[in-house]
Amino acid sequence: MSLFKSRAFSKQNVSKISAIALVLAFTAGLSACAPEVGSDAWCKQMKDKPSGDWTANEAADYAKHCVFK
């Protein structure tokens, strides 16, 4: 009986570890898609984005990095 319990416990651990690894991989994938603030790609992305959708921080960063270089 204790052998069965240890197998069930290890399956739960594997499932939890797999779920955590999947979430970390997904998060890393999303963060790699966004260009670095201040880069030419970021400035172009912000220029194409409607200015009404900008946050205050984005507007300040755009002015700092793209307008007043």
PDB file of N, CA and C in Angstrom:
ATOM      1  N   MET A   1       0.814  -1.181   0.000  1.00  0.00           N
ATOM      2  CA  MET A   1       0.000   0.000   0.000  1.00  0.00           C
ATOM      3  C   MET A   1       0.859   1.245   0.000  1.00  0.00           C
ATOM      4  N   SER A   2       1.938   1.257   0.731  1.00  0.00           N
ATOM      5  CA  SER A   2       2.781   2.445   0.777  1.00  0.00           C
ATOM      6  C   SER A   2       3.460   2.689  -0.575  1.00  0.00           C
ATOM      7  N   LEU A   3       3.710   1.627  -1.352  1.00  0.00           N
ATOM      8  CA  LEU A   3       4.290   1.784  -2.676  1.00  0.00           C
ATOM      9  C   LEU A   3       3.319   2.529  -3.587  1.00  0.00           C
ATOM     10  N   PHE A   4       2.036   2.216  -3.486  1.00  0.00           N
ATOM     11  CA  PHE A   4       1.013   2.896  -4.286  1.00  0.00           C
ATOM     12  C   PHE A   4       0.940   4.375  -3.918  1.00  0.00           C
ATOM     13  N   LYS A   5       0.987   4.676  -2.632  1.00  0.00           N
ATOM     14  CA  LYS A   5       0.923   6.068  -2.197  1.00  0.00           C
ATOM     15  C   LYS A   5       2.132   6.856  -2.703  1.00  0.00           C
ATOM     16  N   SER A   6       3.311   6.257  -2.681  1.00  0.00           N
ATOM     17  CA  SER A   6       4.493   6.979  -3.138  1.00  0.00           C
ATOM     18  C   SER A   6       4.434   7.231  -4.641  1.00  0.00           C
ATOM     19  N   ARG A   7       3.844   6.308  -5.414  1.00  0.00           N
ATOM     20  CA  ARG A   7       3.681   6.523  -6.850  1.00  0.00           C
ATOM     21  C   ARG A   7       2.689   7.653  -7.113  1.00  0.00           C
ATOM     22  N   ALA A   8       1.598   7.679  -6.377  1.00  0.00           N
ATOM     23  CA  ALA A   8       0.607   8.734  -6.553  1.00  0.00           C
ATOM     24  C   ALA A   8       1.211  10.080  -6.180  1.00  0.00           C
ATOM     25  N   PHE A   9       2.004  10.092  -5.139  1.00  0.00           N
ATOM     26  CA  PHE A   9       2.642  11.333  -4.713  1.00  0.00           C
ATOM     27  C   PHE A   9       3.607  11.828  -5.780  1.00  0.00           C
ATOM     28  N   SER A  10       4.371  10.942  -6.381  1.00  0.00           N
ATOM     29  CA  SER A  10       5.333  11.357  -7.384  1.00  0.00           C
ATOM     30  C   SER A  10       4.631  11.832  -8.660  1.00  0.00           C
ATOM     31  N   LYS A  11       3.483  11.258  -8.994  1.00  0.00           N
ATOM     32  CA  LYS A  11       2.735  11.722 -10.166  1.00  0.00           C
ATOM     33  C   LYS A  11       2.227  13.146  -9.934  1.00  0.00           C
ATOM     34  N   GLN A  12       1.812  13.449  -8.704  1.00  0.00           N
ATOM     35  CA  GLN A  12       1.355  14.803  -8.402  1.00  0.00           C
ATOM     36  C   GLN A  12       2.517  15.788  -8.504  1.00  0.00           C
ATOM     37  N   ASN A  13       3.681  15.382  -8.005  1.00  0.00           N
ATOM     38  CA  ASN A  13       4.852  16.256  -8.077  1.00  0.00           C
ATOM     39  C   ASN A  13       5.250  16.520  -9.521  1.00  0.00           C
ATOM     40  N   VAL A  14       5.223  15.475 -10.337  1.00  0.00           N
ATOM     41  CA  VAL A  14       5.577  15.634 -11.748  1.00  0.00           C
ATOM     42  C   VAL A  14       4.579  16.568 -12.429  1.00  0.00           C
ATOM     43  N   SER A  15       3.312  16.424 -12.115  1.00  0.00           N
ATOM     44  CA  SER A  15       2.299  17.294 -12.707  1.00  0.00           C
ATOM     45  C   SER A  15       2.507  18.749 -12.294  1.00  0.00           C
ATOM     46  N   LYS A  16       2.807  18.973 -11.032  1.00  0.00           N
ATOM     47  CA  LYS A  16       3.042  20.339 -10.557  1.00  0.00           C
ATOM     48  C   LYS A  16       4.281  20.939 -11.200  1.00  0.00           C
ATOM     49  N   ILE A  17       5.342  20.163 -11.270  1.00  0.00           N
ATOM     50  CA  ILE A  17       6.582  20.642 -11.868  1.00  0.00           C
ATOM     51  C   ILE A  17       6.368  20.934 -13.349  1.00  0.00           C
ATOM     52  N   SER A  18       5.631  20.077 -14.036  1.00  0.00           N
ATOM     53  CA  SER A  18       5.344  20.298 -15.448  1.00  0.00           C
ATOM     54  C   SER A  18       4.527  21.565 -15.646  1.00  0.00           C
ATOM     55  N   ALA A  19       3.550  21.791 -14.799  1.00  0.00           N
ATOM     56  CA  ALA A  19       2.722  22.999 -14.906  1.00  0.00           C
ATOM     57  C   ALA A  19       3.552  24.249 -14.665  1.00  0.00           C
ATOM     58  N   ILE A  20       4.420  24.215 -13.684  1.00  0.00           N
ATOM     59  CA  ILE A  20       5.281  25.360 -13.391  1.00  0.00           C
ATOM     60  C   ILE A  20       6.229  25.620 -14.558  1.00  0.00           C
ATOM     61  N   ALA A  21       6.800  24.562 -15.115  1.00  0.00           N
ATOM     62  CA  ALA A  21       7.713  24.720 -16.249  1.00  0.00           C
ATOM     63  C   ALA A  21       6.986  25.300 -17.460  1.00  0.00           C
ATOM     64  N   LEU A  22       5.759  24.887 -17.678  1.00  0.00           N
ATOM     65  CA  LEU A  22       4.969  25.407 -18.798  1.00  0.00           C
ATOM     66  C   LEU A  22       4.676  26.890 -18.615  1.00  0.00           C
ATOM     67  N   VAL A  23       4.313  27.286 -17.414  1.00  0.00           N
ATOM     68  CA  VAL A  23       4.039  28.699 -17.133  1.00  0.00           C
ATOM     69  C   VAL A  23       5.303  29.534 -17.313  1.00  0.00           C
ATOM     70  N   LEU A  24       6.433  29.051 -16.833  1.00  0.00           N
ATOM     71  CA  LEU A  24       7.691  29.788 -16.986  1.00  0.00           C
ATOM     72  C   LEU A  24       8.091  29.918 -18.453  1.00  0.00           C
ATOM     73  N   ALA A  25       7.921  28.852 -19.215  1.00  0.00           N
ATOM     74  CA  ALA A  25       8.248  28.906 -20.648  1.00  0.00           C
ATOM     75  C   ALA A  25       7.338  29.883 -21.375  1.00  0.00           C
ATOM     76  N   PHE A  26       6.070  29.875 -21.043  1.00  0.00           N
ATOM     77  CA  PHE A  26       5.111  30.793 -21.662  1.00  0.00           C
ATOM     78  C   PHE A  26       5.463  32.235 -21.326  1.00  0.00           C
ATOM     79  N   THR A  27       5.791  32.497 -20.076  1.00  0.00           N
ATOM     80  CA  THR A  27       6.160  33.848 -19.641  1.00  0.00           C
ATOM     81  C   THR A  27       7.435  34.312 -20.340  1.00  0.00           C
ATOM     82  N   ALA A  28       8.407  33.452 -20.446  1.00  0.00           N
ATOM     83  CA  ALA A  28       9.648  33.799 -21.126  1.00  0.00           C
ATOM     84  C   ALA A  28       9.396  34.081 -22.600  1.00  0.00           C
ATOM     85  N   GLY A  29       8.508  33.329 -23.203  1.00  0.00           N
ATOM     86  CA  GLY A  29       8.165  33.555 -24.602  1.00  0.00           C
ATOM     87  C   GLY A  29       7.502  34.890 -24.825  1.00  0.00           C
ATOM     88  N   LEU A  30       6.633  35.284 -23.918  1.00  0.00           N
ATOM     89  CA  LEU A  30       5.965  36.574 -24.056  1.00  0.00           C
ATOM     90  C   LEU A  30       6.917  37.737 -23.851  1.00  0.00           C
ATOM     91  N   SER A  31       7.797  37.621 -22.906  1.00  0.00           N
ATOM     92  CA  SER A  31       8.712  38.726 -22.627  1.00  0.00           C
ATOM     93  C   SER A  31       9.721  38.905 -23.746  1.00  0.00           C
ATOM     94  N   ALA A  32      10.025  37.853 -24.474  1.00  0.00           N
ATOM     95  CA  ALA A  32      10.973  37.949 -25.570  1.00  0.00           C
ATOM     96  C   ALA A  32      10.368  38.650 -26.777  1.00  0.00           C
ATOM     97  N   CYS A  33       9.064  38.760 -26.855  1.00  0.00           N
ATOM     98  CA  CYS A  33       8.408  39.358 -28.009  1.00  0.00           C
ATOM     99  C   CYS A  33       8.398  40.882 -27.954  1.00  0.00           C
ATOM    100  N   ALA A  34       8.495  41.458 -26.806  1.00  0.00           N
ATOM    101  CA  ALA A  34       8.417  42.905 -26.666  1.00  0.00           C
ATOM    102  C   ALA A  34       9.802  43.524 -26.867  1.00  0.00           C
ATOM    103  N   PRO A  35       9.894  44.537 -27.740  1.00  0.00           N
ATOM    104  CA  PRO A  35      11.197  45.179 -27.918  1.00  0.00           C
ATOM    105  C   PRO A  35      11.581  45.992 -26.685  1.00  0.00           C
ATOM    106  N   GLU A  36      12.857  46.208 -26.522  1.00  0.00           N
ATOM    107  CA  GLU A  36      13.373  46.949 -25.370  1.00  0.00           C
ATOM    108  C   GLU A  36      12.958  48.418 -25.471  1.00  0.00           C
ATOM    109  N   VAL A  37      12.555  48.969 -24.347  1.00  0.00           N
ATOM    110  CA  VAL A  37      12.138  50.365 -24.298  1.00  0.00           C
ATOM    111  C   VAL A  37      13.293  51.243 -24.756  1.00  0.00           C
ATOM    112  N   GLY A  38      13.006  52.132 -25.707  1.00  0.00           N
ATOM    113  CA  GLY A  38      14.018  53.042 -26.224  1.00  0.00           C
ATOM    114  C   GLY A  38      14.686  52.568 -27.498  1.00  0.00           C
ATOM    115  N   SER A  39      14.482  51.298 -27.862  1.00  0.00           N
ATOM    116  CA  SER A  39      15.084  50.799 -29.095  1.00  0.00           C
ATOM    117  C   SER A  39      14.316  51.352 -30.301  1.00  0.00           C
ATOM    118  N   ASP A  40      14.927  51.261 -31.474  1.00  0.00           N
ATOM    119  CA  ASP A  40      14.257  51.744 -32.687  1.00  0.00           C
ATOM    120  C   ASP A  40      12.960  50.989 -32.937  1.00  0.00           C
ATOM    121  N   ALA A  41      12.965  49.672 -32.674  1.00  0.00           N
ATOM    122  CA  ALA A  41      11.754  48.874 -32.865  1.00  0.00           C
ATOM    123  C   ALA A  41      10.654  49.321 -31.906  1.00  0.00           C
ATOM    124  N   TRP A  42      11.019  49.640 -30.684  1.00  0.00           N
ATOM    125  CA  TRP A  42      10.029  50.096 -29.700  1.00  0.00           C
ATOM    126  C   TRP A  42       9.466  51.446 -30.115  1.00  0.00           C
ATOM    127  N   CYS A  43      10.334  52.358 -30.569  1.00  0.00           N
ATOM    128  CA  CYS A  43       9.858  53.676 -31.013  1.00  0.00           C
ATOM    129  C   CYS A  43       8.885  53.529 -32.177  1.00  0.00           C
ATOM    130  N   LYS A  44       9.203  52.645 -33.114  1.00  0.00           N
ATOM    131  CA  LYS A  44       8.303  52.422 -34.256  1.00  0.00           C
ATOM    132  C   LYS A  44       6.981  51.824 -33.786  1.00  0.00           C
ATOM    133  N   GLN A  45       7.046  50.867 -32.865  1.00  0.00           N
ATOM    134  CA  GLN A  45       5.834  50.244 -32.337  1.00  0.00           C
ATOM    135  C   GLN A  45       4.953  51.282 -31.645  1.00  0.00           C
ATOM    136  N   MET A  46       5.563  52.173 -30.879  1.00  0.00           N
ATOM    137  CA  MET A  46       4.800  53.204 -30.177  1.00  0.00           C
ATOM    138  C   MET A  46       4.229  54.224 -31.157  1.00  0.00           C
ATOM    139  N   LYS A  47       4.986  54.532 -32.219  1.00  0.00           N
ATOM    140  CA  LYS A  47       4.508  55.480 -33.223  1.00  0.00           C
ATOM    141  C   LYS A  47       3.270  54.932 -33.928  1.00  0.00           C
ATOM    142  N   ASP A  48       3.247  53.614 -34.156  1.00  0.00           N
ATOM    143  CA  ASP A  48       2.113  52.967 -34.820  1.00  0.00           C
ATOM    144  C   ASP A  48       0.912  52.781 -33.897  1.00  0.00           C
ATOM    145  N   LYS A  49       1.141  52.786 -32.584  1.00  0.00           N
ATOM    146  CA  LYS A  49       0.071  52.599 -31.600  1.00  0.00           C
ATOM    147  C   LYS A  49      -0.673  53.926 -31.416  1.00  0.00           C
ATOM    148  N   PRO A  50      -2.005  53.902 -31.386  1.00  0.00           N
ATOM    149  CA  PRO A  50      -2.753  55.153 -31.171  1.00  0.00           C
ATOM    150  C   PRO A  50      -2.336  55.814 -29.855  1.00  0.00           C
ATOM    151  N   SER A  51      -2.077  57.108 -29.899  1.00  0.00           N
ATOM    152  CA  SER A  51      -1.563  57.796 -28.714  1.00  0.00           C
ATOM    153  C   SER A  51      -2.564  57.796 -27.561  1.00  0.00           C
ATOM    154  N   GLY A  52      -3.841  57.617 -27.848  1.00  0.00           N
ATOM    155  CA  GLY A  52      -4.834  57.527 -26.786  1.00  0.00           C
ATOM    156  C   GLY A  52      -4.711  56.253 -25.969  1.00  0.00           C
ATOM    157  N   ASP A  53      -4.022  55.251 -26.511  1.00  0.00           N
ATOM    158  CA  ASP A  53      -3.829  53.979 -25.810  1.00  0.00           C
ATOM    159  C   ASP A  53      -2.530  53.939 -25.015  1.00  0.00           C
ATOM    160  N   TRP A  54      -1.728  54.989 -25.080  1.00  0.00           N
ATOM    161  CA  TRP A  54      -0.461  55.030 -24.357  1.00  0.00           C
ATOM    162  C   TRP A  54      -0.707  55.255 -22.879  1.00  0.00           C
ATOM    163  N   THR A  55       0.134  54.638 -22.060  1.00  0.00           N
ATOM    164  CA  THR A  55       0.110  54.943 -20.625  1.00  0.00           C
ATOM    165  C   THR A  55       0.985  56.175 -20.396  1.00  0.00           C
ATOM    166  N   ALA A  56       0.909  56.736 -19.222  1.00  0.00           N
ATOM    167  CA  ALA A  56       1.744  57.896 -18.898  1.00  0.00           C
ATOM    168  C   ALA A  56       3.223  57.531 -18.958  1.00  0.00           C
ATOM    169  N   ASN A  57       3.566  56.353 -18.491  1.00  0.00           N
ATOM    170  CA  ASN A  57       4.966  55.910 -18.531  1.00  0.00           C
ATOM    171  C   ASN A  57       5.444  55.726 -19.965  1.00  0.00           C
ATOM    172  N   GLU A  58       4.587  55.155 -20.825  1.00  0.00           N
ATOM    173  CA  GLU A  58       4.966  54.983 -22.220  1.00  0.00           C
ATOM    174  C   GLU A  58       5.180  56.330 -22.891  1.00  0.00           C
ATOM    175  N   ALA A  59       4.314  57.298 -22.615  1.00  0.00           N
ATOM    176  CA  ALA A  59       4.453  58.626 -23.211  1.00  0.00           C
ATOM    177  C   ALA A  59       5.754  59.290 -22.757  1.00  0.00           C
ATOM    178  N   ALA A  60       6.072  59.166 -21.476  1.00  0.00           N
ATOM    179  CA  ALA A  60       7.311  59.742 -20.963  1.00  0.00           C
ATOM    180  C   ALA A  60       8.528  59.051 -21.578  1.00  0.00           C
ATOM    181  N   ASP A  61       8.486  57.732 -21.676  1.00  0.00           N
ATOM    182  CA  ASP A  61       9.600  56.991 -22.273  1.00  0.00           C
ATOM    183  C   ASP A  61       9.746  57.326 -23.753  1.00  0.00           C
ATOM    184  N   TYR A  62       8.613  57.482 -24.454  1.00  0.00           N
ATOM    185  CA  TYR A  62       8.667  57.827 -25.880  1.00  0.00           C
ATOM    186  C   TYR A  62       9.334  59.196 -26.058  1.00  0.00           C
ATOM    187  N   ALA A  63       8.924  60.155 -25.246  1.00  0.00           N
ATOM    188  CA  ALA A  63       9.511  61.490 -25.345  1.00  0.00           C
ATOM    189  C   ALA A  63      11.002  61.447 -25.025  1.00  0.00           C
ATOM    190  N   LYS A  64      11.374  60.700 -24.016  1.00  0.00           N
ATOM    191  CA  LYS A  64      12.766  60.630 -23.579  1.00  0.00           C
ATOM    192  C   LYS A  64      13.656  59.931 -24.608  1.00  0.00           C
ATOM    193  N   HIS A  65      13.181  58.793 -25.152  1.00  0.00           N
ATOM    194  CA  HIS A  65      14.023  57.956 -25.994  1.00  0.00           C
ATOM    195  C   HIS A  65      13.853  58.177 -27.494  1.00  0.00           C
ATOM    196  N   CYS A  66      12.693  58.669 -27.899  1.00  0.00           N
ATOM    197  CA  CYS A  66      12.426  58.754 -29.336  1.00  0.00           C
ATOM    198  C   CYS A  66      12.388  60.195 -29.851  1.00  0.00           C
ATOM    199  N   VAL A  67      11.947  61.120 -29.030  1.00  0.00           N
ATOM    200  CA  VAL A  67      11.831  62.509 -29.464  1.00  0.00           C
ATOM    201  C   VAL A  67      13.099  63.275 -29.129  1.00  0.00           C
ATOM    202  N   PHE A  68      13.518  63.211 -27.867  1.00  0.00           N
ATOM    203  CA  PHE A  68      14.681  63.966 -27.395  1.00  0.00           C
ATOM    204  C   PHE A  68      15.907  63.084 -27.280  1.00  0.00           C
ATOM    205  N   LYS A  69      16.343  62.497 -28.367  1.00  0.00           N
ATOM    206  CA  LYS A  69      17.516  61.596 -28.335  1.00  0.00           C
ATOM    207  C   LYS A  69      18.770  62.377 -28.091  1.00  0.00           C
TER     208      LYS A  69
END
